[in-house]
Amino acid sequence: MRVRQDIIDRLYAGADPFSNFPESLYQVDTQGWNSQHPYLSRAIDVARPEVVVEIGVWKGGSTLFMAEHLRRLELDAVVIAAAYGDGKVEHFNGKCIFRKAPEAVRG
């Protein structure tokens, strides 16, 4: 997995941050919205990427689906999942981050 190791070398000076991840401490819950939609695997089939970046990850269902598809195709590739907070604004427990935005930001 040259691509994965290259990313670890560049971002983490070669020290894999996941090498001792305590999986047993976390319950797996990968539900999601259209996490296994055919367009995800078709896009990978066509593009055959080395890096897939998913922006806006809820519980990782589509992230795992794409990673498993890359593995089935035996591609030297990785999926980078970037989550932003708790997801939708509604998930901020009623504390909307946009209410107090300066006028310049609100437009």
Protein backbone atom coordinates (compact mmCIF):
# COMPACT_ATOMS: atom_id res chain seq x y z
CA MET A 1 0.00 0.00 0.00
CA ARG A 2 2.38 2.64 -1.27
CA VAL A 3 -0.26 5.40 -1.33
CA ARG A 4 -1.27 4.86 2.31
CA GLN A 5 2.34 4.78 3.50
CA ASP A 6 3.18 7.89 1.47
CA ILE A 7 0.35 9.80 3.19
CA ILE A 8 1.46 8.57 6.63
CA ASP A 9 5.05 9.55 5.87
CA ARG A 10 4.07 13.04 4.75
CA LEU A 11 1.45 13.84 7.38
CA TYR A 12 2.70 11.92 10.40
CA ALA A 13 6.46 11.62 9.82
CA GLY A 14 6.06 7.89 9.22
CA ALA A 15 4.30 7.14 12.51
CA ASP A 16 0.95 5.46 11.76
CA PRO A 17 -1.62 7.16 14.04
CA PHE A 18 -3.93 4.14 13.73
CA SER A 19 -1.43 1.38 14.52
CA ASN A 20 -2.66 0.93 18.11
CA PHE A 21 -6.25 2.06 17.66
CA PRO A 22 -8.35 0.45 20.44
CA GLU A 23 -11.15 -0.93 18.24
CA SER A 24 -12.70 -2.88 21.10
CA LEU A 25 -13.60 0.37 22.90
CA TYR A 26 -15.99 1.50 20.17
CA GLN A 27 -19.28 0.07 19.00
CA VAL A 28 -19.51 -0.16 15.22
CA ASP A 29 -22.46 1.79 13.80
CA THR A 30 -22.08 2.53 10.11
CA GLN A 31 -25.61 3.41 9.15
CA GLY A 32 -25.98 6.13 6.60
CA TRP A 33 -27.95 7.68 3.81
CA ASN A 34 -27.27 5.95 0.47
CA SER A 35 -24.04 4.56 1.91
CA GLN A 36 -23.98 1.75 -0.62
CA HIS A 37 -25.39 3.60 -3.60
CA PRO A 38 -24.16 2.19 -6.93
CA TYR A 39 -22.80 5.58 -8.05
CA LEU A 40 -20.05 5.28 -5.42
CA SER A 41 -18.69 2.02 -6.79
CA ARG A 42 -19.25 3.11 -10.42
CA ALA A 43 -17.22 6.28 -9.86
CA ILE A 44 -14.38 4.21 -8.44
CA ASP A 45 -14.65 1.70 -11.30
CA VAL A 46 -14.32 4.50 -13.86
CA ALA A 47 -11.77 6.77 -12.15
CA ARG A 48 -9.65 4.07 -10.45
CA PRO A 49 -8.34 6.69 -8.02
CA GLU A 50 -5.41 6.51 -5.64
CA VAL A 51 -7.11 8.85 -3.18
CA VAL A 52 -10.82 9.30 -2.47
CA VAL A 53 -11.80 12.21 -0.21
CA GLU A 54 -15.22 12.14 1.40
CA ILE A 55 -16.30 15.44 2.91
CA GLY A 56 -19.11 15.25 5.44
CA VAL A 57 -18.98 11.86 7.10
CA TRP A 58 -21.76 10.90 9.47
CA LYS A 59 -21.04 7.40 10.71
CA GLY A 60 -18.75 6.20 7.97
CA GLY A 61 -21.05 3.90 6.03
CA SER A 62 -20.10 5.21 2.59
CA THR A 63 -16.46 5.59 3.64
CA LEU A 64 -16.25 1.89 4.49
CA PHE A 65 -18.22 0.92 1.38
CA MET A 66 -15.78 2.80 -0.87
CA ALA A 67 -12.73 1.45 0.98
CA GLU A 68 -14.02 -2.11 0.65
CA HIS A 69 -14.67 -1.56 -3.06
CA LEU A 70 -11.13 -0.25 -3.57
CA ARG A 71 -9.82 -3.33 -1.78
CA ARG A 72 -11.95 -5.68 -3.93
CA LEU A 73 -10.47 -4.05 -7.04
CA GLU A 74 -7.00 -4.48 -5.50
CA LEU A 75 -6.21 -0.81 -6.08
CA ASP A 76 -3.36 0.84 -4.20
CA ALA A 77 -5.64 3.54 -2.83
CA VAL A 78 -6.98 5.16 0.33
CA VAL A 79 -10.15 6.89 1.46
CA ILE A 80 -9.73 10.04 3.52
CA ALA A 81 -12.88 10.94 5.44
CA ALA A 82 -13.32 14.47 6.74
CA ALA A 83 -16.09 15.06 9.25
CA TYR A 84 -17.21 18.54 10.15
CA GLY A 85 -18.59 18.80 13.66
CA ASP A 86 -21.76 16.86 14.26
CA GLY A 87 -23.03 17.17 10.72
CA LYS A 88 -26.04 19.31 9.98
CA VAL A 89 -26.72 22.59 11.75
CA GLU A 90 -29.69 20.91 13.46
CA HIS A 91 -27.22 18.71 15.35
CA PHE A 92 -25.68 21.65 17.20
CA ASN A 93 -28.15 21.26 20.11
CA GLY A 94 -30.03 24.43 19.24
CA LYS A 95 -26.88 26.54 19.22
CA CYS A 96 -26.81 27.60 15.60
CA ILE A 97 -23.32 28.81 14.77
CA PHE A 98 -24.68 31.22 12.15
CA ARG A 99 -26.95 33.32 14.39
CA LYS A 100 -24.20 35.65 15.58
CA ALA A 101 -22.26 35.86 12.34
CA PRO A 102 -21.01 39.33 11.43
CA GLU A 103 -22.94 41.17 8.73
CA ALA A 104 -20.03 40.75 6.31
CA VAL A 105 -20.31 36.97 6.61
CA ARG A 106 -24.10 36.88 6.29
CA GLY A 107 -23.88 38.91 3.09
